[in-house]
Amino acid sequence: MRDPLPSWNQQLPEPGTVMSSDEYLRTPTTNRVQELWMSVVRVADSPTAWHQDLAFEIAIGIRAFARPRGLGKVWLAPLDVILDHDRGLVVQPDVVYVSDERMDIVTDKVRGAPDLVVEVLSPLPRIGSVNERVQCFAQYGVTECWLVNQINRTIDVLINEGGRTAQHTTVSAVDAVPSRVLPGLPFRLDDLLGWPLRG
């Protein structure tokens, strides 16, 4: 007969729990959006219908462009992205894109920096602050980050180089997104949504 599992593996960790990456990754599978931020568990509030609709449509838009061209794959949260195993940094951006050339970082989790991450703001991220997330993505090698503001109907496109944000462009809902990761992407918020954006 097997030994009983450790207590921390039988229920979801409470927000604020301190644990290692290995402990976190052995917690039960869940659809709850949660992260390990420098070895501390953080949990998101339930998203709104508008947030989920927008994240879903963005993922579909990216997939429709990338898949027939064999460019890469896209995923929606919750999916663990392990940016720094040793420091206990595991995040769950709203949308994650990994190019085909870098698909070796994808196993059961994404073990490394995605090429592109998207955060849908309402007007803030559901976990942490905008600045800390942007700095984290840049530091750990995410090439491109989109900050989608539902209230202002804009997308901030951040291009990262050398561990910092090297280029910042803001586009409106009627403008095409100038993506470095996916050049030529015919992506406009107004083309994706058949109803108005809300918080």
N, C-alpha and C. Protein backbone atom coordinates (compact mmCIF):
# COMPACT_ATOMS: atom_id res chain seq x y z
N MET A 1 0.84 -1.19 0.00
CA MET A 1 0.00 0.00 0.00
C MET A 1 0.88 1.25 0.00
N ARG A 2 0.50 2.22 -0.83
CA ARG A 2 1.30 3.42 -0.94
C ARG A 2 1.20 4.28 0.32
N ASP A 3 2.29 5.01 0.56
CA ASP A 3 2.24 5.99 1.64
C ASP A 3 1.31 7.12 1.26
N PRO A 4 0.61 7.71 2.23
CA PRO A 4 -0.27 8.84 1.90
C PRO A 4 0.53 9.99 1.34
N LEU A 5 -0.10 10.73 0.44
CA LEU A 5 0.55 11.89 -0.16
C LEU A 5 0.75 12.98 0.89
N PRO A 6 1.78 13.81 0.73
CA PRO A 6 1.95 14.94 1.65
C PRO A 6 0.71 15.82 1.66
N SER A 7 0.45 16.45 2.80
CA SER A 7 -0.78 17.24 2.95
C SER A 7 -0.86 18.36 1.93
N TRP A 8 0.29 18.95 1.56
CA TRP A 8 0.23 20.06 0.60
C TRP A 8 -0.12 19.59 -0.81
N ASN A 9 -0.14 18.26 -1.02
CA ASN A 9 -0.48 17.73 -2.34
C ASN A 9 -1.93 17.26 -2.41
N GLN A 10 -2.70 17.46 -1.35
CA GLN A 10 -4.07 16.98 -1.32
C GLN A 10 -5.09 18.10 -1.45
N GLN A 11 -4.66 19.32 -1.41
CA GLN A 11 -5.56 20.45 -1.59
C GLN A 11 -4.80 21.60 -2.21
N LEU A 12 -5.55 22.53 -2.75
CA LEU A 12 -4.91 23.68 -3.38
C LEU A 12 -4.25 24.56 -2.33
N PRO A 13 -3.09 25.11 -2.63
CA PRO A 13 -2.42 25.96 -1.64
C PRO A 13 -3.17 27.27 -1.44
N GLU A 14 -3.16 27.76 -0.22
CA GLU A 14 -3.78 29.04 0.09
C GLU A 14 -2.90 30.17 -0.46
N PRO A 15 -3.53 31.30 -0.85
CA PRO A 15 -2.73 32.46 -1.24
C PRO A 15 -1.76 32.85 -0.13
N GLY A 16 -0.53 33.15 -0.51
CA GLY A 16 0.49 33.50 0.48
C GLY A 16 1.33 32.34 0.94
N THR A 17 0.96 31.10 0.55
CA THR A 17 1.75 29.94 0.92
C THR A 17 3.14 30.03 0.27
N VAL A 18 4.17 29.73 1.05
CA VAL A 18 5.54 29.73 0.54
C VAL A 18 5.90 28.29 0.18
N MET A 19 6.34 28.08 -1.05
CA MET A 19 6.75 26.74 -1.48
C MET A 19 7.74 26.83 -2.62
N SER A 20 8.42 25.74 -2.87
CA SER A 20 9.36 25.68 -3.98
C SER A 20 8.61 25.42 -5.28
N SER A 21 9.31 25.58 -6.40
CA SER A 21 8.70 25.27 -7.69
C SER A 21 8.29 23.81 -7.75
N ASP A 22 9.12 22.90 -7.25
CA ASP A 22 8.78 21.48 -7.28
C ASP A 22 7.51 21.19 -6.49
N GLU A 23 7.37 21.80 -5.32
CA GLU A 23 6.17 21.62 -4.51
C GLU A 23 4.95 22.18 -5.23
N TYR A 24 5.10 23.37 -5.79
CA TYR A 24 3.99 24.01 -6.51
C TYR A 24 3.52 23.14 -7.68
N LEU A 25 4.46 22.61 -8.44
CA LEU A 25 4.12 21.83 -9.62
C LEU A 25 3.55 20.46 -9.28
N ARG A 26 3.62 20.06 -8.01
CA ARG A 26 3.01 18.81 -7.58
C ARG A 26 1.64 19.02 -6.92
N THR A 27 1.19 20.26 -6.86
CA THR A 27 -0.14 20.52 -6.30
C THR A 27 -1.20 20.02 -7.29
N PRO A 28 -2.43 19.81 -6.84
CA PRO A 28 -3.46 19.24 -7.72
C PRO A 28 -3.72 20.09 -8.95
N THR A 29 -4.04 19.42 -10.05
CA THR A 29 -4.44 20.11 -11.27
C THR A 29 -5.71 20.91 -11.00
N THR A 30 -5.73 22.16 -11.50
CA THR A 30 -6.88 23.03 -11.25
C THR A 30 -7.05 24.02 -12.38
N ASN A 31 -8.28 24.49 -12.55
CA ASN A 31 -8.54 25.56 -13.51
C ASN A 31 -8.43 26.93 -12.86
N ARG A 32 -8.13 26.96 -11.57
CA ARG A 32 -7.93 28.24 -10.88
C ARG A 32 -6.67 28.91 -11.43
N VAL A 33 -6.78 30.21 -11.73
CA VAL A 33 -5.59 30.96 -12.15
C VAL A 33 -4.78 31.31 -10.91
N GLN A 34 -3.60 30.71 -10.83
CA GLN A 34 -2.73 30.95 -9.70
C GLN A 34 -1.29 30.98 -10.20
N GLU A 35 -0.44 31.63 -9.47
CA GLU A 35 0.96 31.74 -9.85
C GLU A 35 1.85 31.53 -8.63
N LEU A 36 3.09 31.21 -8.91
CA LEU A 36 4.12 31.18 -7.88
C LEU A 36 5.06 32.33 -8.18
N TRP A 37 5.02 33.36 -7.32
CA TRP A 37 5.80 34.57 -7.56
C TRP A 37 6.91 34.64 -6.52
N MET A 38 8.11 34.31 -6.94
CA MET A 38 9.27 34.26 -6.04
C MET A 38 8.96 33.40 -4.82
N SER A 39 8.42 32.20 -5.11
CA SER A 39 8.13 31.16 -4.12
C SER A 39 6.91 31.44 -3.25
N VAL A 40 6.08 32.42 -3.60
CA VAL A 40 4.86 32.73 -2.86
C VAL A 40 3.65 32.54 -3.79
N VAL A 41 2.67 31.77 -3.35
CA VAL A 41 1.48 31.50 -4.15
C VAL A 41 0.59 32.74 -4.21
N ARG A 42 0.18 33.10 -5.43
CA ARG A 42 -0.78 34.19 -5.63
C ARG A 42 -1.93 33.65 -6.46
N VAL A 43 -3.14 34.09 -6.12
CA VAL A 43 -4.35 33.57 -6.76
C VAL A 43 -5.15 34.73 -7.33
N ALA A 44 -5.70 34.53 -8.54
CA ALA A 44 -6.49 35.56 -9.21
C ALA A 44 -7.97 35.42 -8.86
N ASP A 45 -8.67 36.57 -8.85
CA ASP A 45 -10.13 36.54 -8.76
C ASP A 45 -10.69 35.94 -10.05
N SER A 46 -11.92 35.47 -9.98
CA SER A 46 -12.57 34.94 -11.18
C SER A 46 -12.70 36.04 -12.23
N PRO A 47 -12.39 35.72 -13.49
CA PRO A 47 -12.48 36.75 -14.54
C PRO A 47 -13.92 37.06 -14.90
N THR A 48 -14.12 38.22 -15.51
CA THR A 48 -15.44 38.57 -16.01
C THR A 48 -15.68 37.89 -17.35
N ALA A 49 -16.93 37.84 -17.75
CA ALA A 49 -17.26 37.28 -19.07
C ALA A 49 -16.58 38.06 -20.18
N TRP A 50 -16.49 39.39 -20.02
CA TRP A 50 -15.87 40.24 -21.05
C TRP A 50 -14.38 39.94 -21.16
N HIS A 51 -13.73 39.76 -20.02
CA HIS A 51 -12.31 39.42 -20.02
C HIS A 51 -12.08 38.10 -20.76
N GLN A 52 -12.85 37.08 -20.43
CA GLN A 52 -12.67 35.78 -21.04
C GLN A 52 -12.97 35.80 -22.53
N ASP A 53 -14.00 36.54 -22.91
CA ASP A 53 -14.34 36.64 -24.33
C ASP A 53 -13.21 37.27 -25.11
N LEU A 54 -12.63 38.33 -24.56
CA LEU A 54 -11.56 39.03 -25.26
C LEU A 54 -10.31 38.16 -25.35
N ALA A 55 -9.93 37.52 -24.26
CA ALA A 55 -8.75 36.65 -24.27
C ALA A 55 -8.94 35.51 -25.28
N PHE A 56 -10.14 34.95 -25.31
CA PHE A 56 -10.44 33.85 -26.22
C PHE A 56 -10.35 34.30 -27.67
N GLU A 57 -10.92 35.46 -27.98
CA GLU A 57 -10.90 35.96 -29.35
C GLU A 57 -9.48 36.31 -29.80
N ILE A 58 -8.67 36.84 -28.88
CA ILE A 58 -7.28 37.13 -29.22
C ILE A 58 -6.54 35.84 -29.55
N ALA A 59 -6.74 34.82 -28.73
CA ALA A 59 -6.08 33.53 -28.98
C ALA A 59 -6.52 32.95 -30.32
N ILE A 60 -7.82 33.05 -30.62
CA ILE A 60 -8.32 32.54 -31.90
C ILE A 60 -7.70 33.32 -33.06
N GLY A 61 -7.60 34.65 -32.91
CA GLY A 61 -7.02 35.47 -33.96
C GLY A 61 -5.57 35.11 -34.25
N ILE A 62 -4.80 34.91 -33.18
CA ILE A 62 -3.39 34.53 -33.34
C ILE A 62 -3.30 33.14 -33.97
N ARG A 63 -4.12 32.22 -33.49
CA ARG A 63 -4.09 30.84 -33.99
C ARG A 63 -4.46 30.79 -35.47
N ALA A 64 -5.46 31.58 -35.87
CA ALA A 64 -5.90 31.57 -37.27
C ALA A 64 -4.79 32.04 -38.20
N PHE A 65 -3.92 32.91 -37.72
CA PHE A 65 -2.80 33.40 -38.51
C PHE A 65 -1.63 32.43 -38.48
N ALA A 66 -1.31 31.91 -37.29
CA ALA A 66 -0.09 31.13 -37.12
C ALA A 66 -0.22 29.68 -37.58
N ARG A 67 -1.36 29.06 -37.33
CA ARG A 67 -1.47 27.62 -37.58
C ARG A 67 -1.31 27.24 -39.05
N PRO A 68 -2.03 27.87 -39.99
CA PRO A 68 -1.87 27.44 -41.39
C PRO A 68 -0.49 27.73 -41.96
N ARG A 69 0.25 28.62 -41.32
CA ARG A 69 1.60 28.95 -41.77
C ARG A 69 2.67 28.14 -41.06
N GLY A 70 2.25 27.30 -40.12
CA GLY A 70 3.19 26.49 -39.37
C GLY A 70 4.13 27.30 -38.51
N LEU A 71 3.61 28.40 -37.94
CA LEU A 71 4.47 29.33 -37.21
C LEU A 71 4.62 28.98 -35.73
N GLY A 72 3.58 28.44 -35.13
CA GLY A 72 3.64 28.17 -33.70
C GLY A 72 2.27 27.84 -33.14
N LYS A 73 2.19 27.79 -31.80
CA LYS A 73 0.94 27.43 -31.13
C LYS A 73 0.61 28.46 -30.05
N VAL A 74 -0.68 28.52 -29.73
CA VAL A 74 -1.17 29.48 -28.76
C VAL A 74 -2.00 28.77 -27.70
N TRP A 75 -1.89 29.24 -26.45
CA TRP A 75 -2.64 28.67 -25.33
C TRP A 75 -3.27 29.78 -24.50
N LEU A 76 -4.34 29.41 -23.79
CA LEU A 76 -5.02 30.31 -22.86
C LEU A 76 -4.71 29.91 -21.42
N ALA A 77 -4.75 30.89 -20.52
CA ALA A 77 -4.65 30.59 -19.09
C ALA A 77 -5.89 29.79 -18.66
N PRO A 78 -5.72 28.92 -17.66
CA PRO A 78 -4.51 28.74 -16.85
C PRO A 78 -3.55 27.71 -17.43
N LEU A 79 -2.32 28.14 -17.69
CA LEU A 79 -1.24 27.26 -18.10
C LEU A 79 0.04 27.77 -17.44
N ASP A 80 0.71 26.90 -16.72
CA ASP A 80 1.93 27.31 -16.02
C ASP A 80 3.06 27.59 -17.00
N VAL A 81 3.67 28.76 -16.85
CA VAL A 81 4.86 29.15 -17.60
C VAL A 81 5.99 29.30 -16.58
N ILE A 82 6.94 28.40 -16.63
CA ILE A 82 8.02 28.39 -15.64
C ILE A 82 9.17 29.26 -16.15
N LEU A 83 9.29 30.45 -15.60
CA LEU A 83 10.32 31.38 -16.04
C LEU A 83 11.63 31.18 -15.27
N ASP A 84 11.53 30.81 -14.00
CA ASP A 84 12.73 30.60 -13.20
C ASP A 84 12.42 29.54 -12.14
N HIS A 85 12.81 28.32 -12.43
CA HIS A 85 12.51 27.21 -11.52
C HIS A 85 13.18 27.39 -10.18
N ASP A 86 14.44 27.80 -10.18
CA ASP A 86 15.21 27.91 -8.93
C ASP A 86 14.67 29.00 -8.01
N ARG A 87 14.16 30.10 -8.58
CA ARG A 87 13.66 31.21 -7.78
C ARG A 87 12.16 31.12 -7.50
N GLY A 88 11.53 30.07 -8.00
CA GLY A 88 10.10 29.91 -7.74
C GLY A 88 9.26 30.92 -8.49
N LEU A 89 9.47 31.03 -9.80
CA LEU A 89 8.73 32.00 -10.61
C LEU A 89 7.96 31.25 -11.70
N VAL A 90 6.67 31.07 -11.45
CA VAL A 90 5.78 30.36 -12.37
C VAL A 90 4.56 31.24 -12.59
N VAL A 91 4.35 31.70 -13.83
CA VAL A 91 3.28 32.66 -14.11
C VAL A 91 2.25 32.06 -15.06
N GLN A 92 1.10 32.73 -15.18
CA GLN A 92 0.03 32.29 -16.06
C GLN A 92 -0.55 33.48 -16.81
N PRO A 93 0.14 33.95 -17.86
CA PRO A 93 -0.42 35.04 -18.67
C PRO A 93 -1.74 34.62 -19.30
N ASP A 94 -2.57 35.60 -19.68
CA ASP A 94 -3.87 35.28 -20.25
C ASP A 94 -3.76 34.49 -21.55
N VAL A 95 -2.81 34.88 -22.40
CA VAL A 95 -2.58 34.19 -23.68
C VAL A 95 -1.07 34.01 -23.84
N VAL A 96 -0.68 32.83 -24.31
CA VAL A 96 0.74 32.49 -24.49
C VAL A 96 0.94 31.95 -25.89
N TYR A 97 1.96 32.46 -26.58
CA TYR A 97 2.30 31.98 -27.92
C TYR A 97 3.77 31.55 -27.93
N VAL A 98 4.02 30.36 -28.50
CA VAL A 98 5.38 29.85 -28.65
C VAL A 98 5.58 29.48 -30.11
N SER A 99 6.68 29.97 -30.69
CA SER A 99 6.97 29.70 -32.09
C SER A 99 7.38 28.24 -32.29
N ASP A 100 7.21 27.76 -33.50
CA ASP A 100 7.52 26.37 -33.81
C ASP A 100 9.00 26.07 -33.56
N GLU A 101 9.87 27.05 -33.81
CA GLU A 101 11.31 26.84 -33.62
C GLU A 101 11.67 26.63 -32.16
N ARG A 102 10.80 27.06 -31.24
CA ARG A 102 11.11 26.98 -29.82
C ARG A 102 10.16 26.03 -29.08
N MET A 103 9.51 25.15 -29.84
CA MET A 103 8.50 24.27 -29.24
C MET A 103 9.10 23.28 -28.25
N ASP A 104 10.43 23.17 -28.21
CA ASP A 104 11.05 22.26 -27.25
C ASP A 104 10.86 22.71 -25.81
N ILE A 105 10.45 23.98 -25.58
CA ILE A 105 10.21 24.44 -24.21
C ILE A 105 8.83 24.01 -23.70
N VAL A 106 8.01 23.44 -24.59
CA VAL A 106 6.64 23.04 -24.21
C VAL A 106 6.60 21.55 -23.96
N THR A 107 6.26 21.19 -22.73
CA THR A 107 6.01 19.79 -22.38
C THR A 107 4.61 19.75 -21.78
N ASP A 108 4.50 19.33 -20.53
CA ASP A 108 3.21 19.44 -19.84
C ASP A 108 2.97 20.89 -19.42
N LYS A 109 4.05 21.65 -19.30
CA LYS A 109 4.03 23.08 -18.99
C LYS A 109 4.84 23.80 -20.06
N VAL A 110 4.90 25.13 -19.96
CA VAL A 110 5.85 25.89 -20.78
C VAL A 110 7.05 26.16 -19.88
N ARG A 111 8.16 25.58 -20.24
CA ARG A 111 9.36 25.63 -19.40
C ARG A 111 10.39 26.56 -20.03
N GLY A 112 10.11 27.85 -19.92
CA GLY A 112 10.96 28.88 -20.51
C GLY A 112 10.11 30.05 -20.95
N ALA A 113 10.75 31.04 -21.55
CA ALA A 113 10.04 32.26 -21.94
C ALA A 113 9.31 32.07 -23.26
N PRO A 114 7.99 32.31 -23.30
CA PRO A 114 7.27 32.29 -24.58
C PRO A 114 7.76 33.42 -25.49
N ASP A 115 7.45 33.29 -26.77
CA ASP A 115 7.77 34.37 -27.70
C ASP A 115 6.87 35.58 -27.48
N LEU A 116 5.61 35.32 -27.15
CA LEU A 116 4.61 36.38 -26.99
C LEU A 116 3.68 36.03 -25.84
N VAL A 117 3.41 37.02 -24.99
CA VAL A 117 2.38 36.88 -23.97
C VAL A 117 1.40 38.04 -24.09
N VAL A 118 0.15 37.78 -23.73
CA VAL A 118 -0.90 38.80 -23.76
C VAL A 118 -1.54 38.87 -22.39
N GLU A 119 -1.65 40.09 -21.88
CA GLU A 119 -2.35 40.33 -20.62
C GLU A 119 -3.56 41.23 -20.91
N VAL A 120 -4.75 40.75 -20.56
CA VAL A 120 -5.97 41.54 -20.71
C VAL A 120 -6.21 42.30 -19.41
N LEU A 121 -6.19 43.61 -19.49
CA LEU A 121 -6.31 44.47 -18.31
C LEU A 121 -7.74 44.95 -18.13
N SER A 122 -8.15 45.05 -16.86
CA SER A 122 -9.55 45.43 -16.60
C SER A 122 -9.74 46.48 -15.50
N PRO A 123 -8.93 47.55 -15.36
CA PRO A 123 -7.80 47.95 -16.21
C PRO A 123 -6.47 47.41 -15.72
N LEU A 124 -6.45 46.57 -14.67
CA LEU A 124 -5.22 46.02 -14.11
C LEU A 124 -5.12 44.53 -14.42
N PRO A 125 -3.92 43.95 -14.33
CA PRO A 125 -3.83 42.49 -14.44
C PRO A 125 -4.56 41.84 -13.27
N ARG A 126 -4.98 40.60 -13.44
CA ARG A 126 -5.70 39.93 -12.36
C ARG A 126 -4.77 39.48 -11.25
N ILE A 127 -3.47 39.38 -11.53
CA ILE A 127 -2.49 39.06 -10.50
C ILE A 127 -1.33 40.05 -10.61
N GLY A 128 -0.98 40.69 -9.49
CA GLY A 128 0.17 41.58 -9.47
C GLY A 128 -0.09 42.91 -10.16
N SER A 129 0.99 43.63 -10.42
CA SER A 129 0.89 44.95 -11.05
C SER A 129 1.40 44.88 -12.49
N VAL A 130 1.01 45.87 -13.28
CA VAL A 130 1.47 45.92 -14.67
C VAL A 130 2.99 46.00 -14.72
N ASN A 131 3.57 46.89 -13.93
CA ASN A 131 5.01 47.11 -14.00
C ASN A 131 5.81 45.86 -13.65
N GLU A 132 5.41 45.16 -12.58
CA GLU A 132 6.19 43.99 -12.19
C GLU A 132 6.09 42.88 -13.23
N ARG A 133 4.92 42.75 -13.85
CA ARG A 133 4.76 41.71 -14.86
C ARG A 133 5.55 42.05 -16.12
N VAL A 134 5.48 43.30 -16.55
CA VAL A 134 6.22 43.73 -17.73
C VAL A 134 7.72 43.55 -17.52
N GLN A 135 8.22 43.97 -16.36
CA GLN A 135 9.64 43.82 -16.06
C GLN A 135 10.05 42.36 -15.99
N CYS A 136 9.19 41.54 -15.43
CA CYS A 136 9.47 40.10 -15.33
C CYS A 136 9.56 39.48 -16.71
N PHE A 137 8.61 39.77 -17.58
CA PHE A 137 8.63 39.20 -18.92
C PHE A 137 9.88 39.63 -19.68
N ALA A 138 10.24 40.90 -19.55
CA ALA A 138 11.44 41.39 -20.24
C ALA A 138 12.69 40.72 -19.69
N GLN A 139 12.79 40.65 -18.38
CA GLN A 139 13.99 40.10 -17.74
C GLN A 139 14.24 38.65 -18.13
N TYR A 140 13.16 37.89 -18.27
CA TYR A 140 13.31 36.46 -18.52
C TYR A 140 13.20 36.08 -20.00
N GLY A 141 13.21 37.06 -20.88
CA GLY A 141 13.39 36.76 -22.30
C GLY A 141 12.15 36.63 -23.14
N VAL A 142 10.99 37.09 -22.65
CA VAL A 142 9.80 37.13 -23.50
C VAL A 142 10.01 38.21 -24.56
N THR A 143 9.93 37.85 -25.82
CA THR A 143 10.24 38.81 -26.89
C THR A 143 9.21 39.92 -26.99
N GLU A 144 7.94 39.57 -26.84
CA GLU A 144 6.87 40.55 -27.08
C GLU A 144 5.75 40.37 -26.07
N CYS A 145 5.22 41.49 -25.60
CA CYS A 145 4.12 41.47 -24.63
C CYS A 145 3.05 42.46 -25.08
N TRP A 146 1.80 42.01 -25.10
CA TRP A 146 0.67 42.89 -25.39
C TRP A 146 -0.09 43.15 -24.09
N LEU A 147 -0.37 44.42 -23.83
CA LEU A 147 -1.23 44.81 -22.72
C LEU A 147 -2.52 45.35 -23.33
N VAL A 148 -3.59 44.59 -23.19
CA VAL A 148 -4.86 44.94 -23.83
C VAL A 148 -5.75 45.62 -22.80
N ASN A 149 -6.04 46.90 -23.03
CA ASN A 149 -6.85 47.68 -22.11
C ASN A 149 -8.29 47.71 -22.60
N GLN A 150 -9.17 47.02 -21.87
CA GLN A 150 -10.57 46.94 -22.29
C GLN A 150 -11.28 48.29 -22.23
N ILE A 151 -10.92 49.09 -21.24
CA ILE A 151 -11.61 50.37 -21.04
C ILE A 151 -11.21 51.39 -22.09
N ASN A 152 -9.90 51.50 -22.33
CA ASN A 152 -9.41 52.48 -23.33
C ASN A 152 -9.47 51.95 -24.75
N ARG A 153 -9.73 50.65 -24.90
CA ARG A 153 -9.78 50.02 -26.22
C ARG A 153 -8.46 50.20 -26.97
N THR A 154 -7.37 49.89 -26.27
CA THR A 154 -6.04 50.02 -26.86
C THR A 154 -5.23 48.76 -26.56
N ILE A 155 -4.16 48.60 -27.34
CA ILE A 155 -3.18 47.55 -27.07
C ILE A 155 -1.81 48.21 -27.01
N ASP A 156 -1.11 48.02 -25.90
CA ASP A 156 0.29 48.43 -25.79
C ASP A 156 1.15 47.25 -26.20
N VAL A 157 1.95 47.45 -27.23
CA VAL A 157 2.82 46.40 -27.74
C VAL A 157 4.24 46.70 -27.26
N LEU A 158 4.78 45.81 -26.44
CA LEU A 158 6.11 45.99 -25.86
C LEU A 158 7.06 44.98 -26.49
N ILE A 159 8.16 45.48 -27.05
CA ILE A 159 9.20 44.63 -27.62
C ILE A 159 10.39 44.64 -26.66
N ASN A 160 10.81 43.46 -26.25
CA ASN A 160 11.87 43.34 -25.25
C ASN A 160 13.18 42.89 -25.89
N GLU A 161 14.26 43.51 -25.45
CA GLU A 161 15.59 43.14 -25.89
C GLU A 161 16.56 43.32 -24.73
N GLY A 162 17.46 42.35 -24.55
CA GLY A 162 18.48 42.48 -23.52
C GLY A 162 17.96 42.65 -22.12
N GLY A 163 16.81 42.02 -21.83
CA GLY A 163 16.26 42.08 -20.48
C GLY A 163 15.49 43.32 -20.14
N ARG A 164 15.17 44.13 -21.15
CA ARG A 164 14.40 45.35 -20.89
C ARG A 164 13.47 45.63 -22.07
N THR A 165 12.50 46.53 -21.86
CA THR A 165 11.60 46.93 -22.94
C THR A 165 12.31 47.94 -23.83
N ALA A 166 12.51 47.57 -25.09
CA ALA A 166 13.25 48.41 -26.02
C ALA A 166 12.33 49.24 -26.90
N GLN A 167 11.08 48.81 -27.04
CA GLN A 167 10.14 49.52 -27.92
C GLN A 167 8.73 49.41 -27.35
N HIS A 168 8.00 50.51 -27.35
CA HIS A 168 6.64 50.55 -26.80
C HIS A 168 5.75 51.30 -27.78
N THR A 169 4.76 50.60 -28.31
CA THR A 169 3.83 51.20 -29.25
C THR A 169 2.41 50.98 -28.76
N THR A 170 1.59 52.03 -28.79
CA THR A 170 0.18 51.93 -28.41
C THR A 170 -0.69 52.07 -29.66
N VAL A 171 -1.58 51.12 -29.86
CA VAL A 171 -2.48 51.16 -31.01
C VAL A 171 -3.92 51.12 -30.54
N SER A 172 -4.80 51.73 -31.31
CA SER A 172 -6.22 51.73 -30.99
C SER A 172 -6.87 50.45 -31.49
N ALA A 173 -8.16 50.28 -31.17
CA ALA A 173 -8.87 49.07 -31.54
C ALA A 173 -9.05 48.93 -33.05
N VAL A 174 -8.89 50.02 -33.80
CA VAL A 174 -9.06 49.96 -35.25
C VAL A 174 -7.73 49.85 -35.99
N ASP A 175 -6.62 49.86 -35.25
CA ASP A 175 -5.29 49.78 -35.87
C ASP A 175 -4.76 48.35 -35.82
N ALA A 176 -3.99 47.97 -36.83
CA ALA A 176 -3.34 46.66 -36.83
C ALA A 176 -2.22 46.65 -35.80
N VAL A 177 -2.04 45.52 -35.14
CA VAL A 177 -1.00 45.37 -34.14
C VAL A 177 0.35 45.16 -34.83
N PRO A 178 1.34 46.02 -34.55
CA PRO A 178 2.65 45.88 -35.18
C PRO A 178 3.50 44.84 -34.45
N SER A 179 3.29 43.58 -34.76
CA SER A 179 3.95 42.50 -34.04
C SER A 179 5.29 42.14 -34.67
N ARG A 180 6.33 42.07 -33.85
CA ARG A 180 7.63 41.59 -34.32
C ARG A 180 7.65 40.06 -34.37
N VAL A 181 7.00 39.44 -33.42
CA VAL A 181 6.95 37.98 -33.37
C VAL A 181 6.13 37.41 -34.52
N LEU A 182 5.03 38.09 -34.87
CA LEU A 182 4.14 37.64 -35.93
C LEU A 182 3.95 38.76 -36.96
N PRO A 183 4.99 39.08 -37.72
CA PRO A 183 4.87 40.16 -38.71
C PRO A 183 3.82 39.84 -39.76
N GLY A 184 3.04 40.86 -40.12
CA GLY A 184 1.98 40.67 -41.08
C GLY A 184 0.67 40.20 -40.48
N LEU A 185 0.64 40.07 -39.15
CA LEU A 185 -0.58 39.63 -38.47
C LEU A 185 -1.70 40.65 -38.70
N PRO A 186 -2.80 40.25 -39.36
CA PRO A 186 -3.90 41.19 -39.62
C PRO A 186 -4.83 41.27 -38.41
N PHE A 187 -4.36 41.85 -37.35
CA PHE A 187 -5.03 41.76 -36.06
C PHE A 187 -5.50 43.13 -35.61
N ARG A 188 -6.82 43.30 -35.49
CA ARG A 188 -7.43 44.52 -34.95
C ARG A 188 -8.51 44.09 -33.97
N LEU A 189 -8.57 44.76 -32.84
CA LEU A 189 -9.58 44.39 -31.84
C LEU A 189 -10.98 44.49 -32.40
N ASP A 190 -11.26 45.55 -33.15
CA ASP A 190 -12.61 45.74 -33.66
C ASP A 190 -13.02 44.66 -34.65
N ASP A 191 -12.04 44.03 -35.31
CA ASP A 191 -12.37 42.95 -36.24
C ASP A 191 -12.73 41.66 -35.51
N LEU A 192 -12.26 41.53 -34.28
CA LEU A 192 -12.46 40.28 -33.54
C LEU A 192 -13.75 40.24 -32.76
N LEU A 193 -14.21 41.40 -32.31
CA LEU A 193 -15.32 41.43 -31.38
C LEU A 193 -16.59 41.98 -32.01
N GLY A 194 -17.68 41.27 -31.78
CA GLY A 194 -18.95 41.73 -32.30
C GLY A 194 -19.77 42.47 -31.28
N TRP A 195 -19.16 42.74 -30.11
CA TRP A 195 -19.86 43.49 -29.08
C TRP A 195 -18.85 44.42 -28.41
N PRO A 196 -19.32 45.45 -27.72
CA PRO A 196 -18.40 46.42 -27.13
C PRO A 196 -17.60 45.83 -25.98
N LEU A 197 -16.36 46.30 -25.86
CA LEU A 197 -15.52 45.87 -24.75
C LEU A 197 -16.00 46.52 -23.45
N ARG A 198 -15.90 45.77 -22.38
CA ARG A 198 -16.29 46.29 -21.07
C ARG A 198 -15.26 45.86 -20.03
N GLY A 199 -15.34 46.47 -18.85
CA GLY A 199 -14.40 46.12 -17.79
C GLY A 199 -14.76 44.85 -17.08
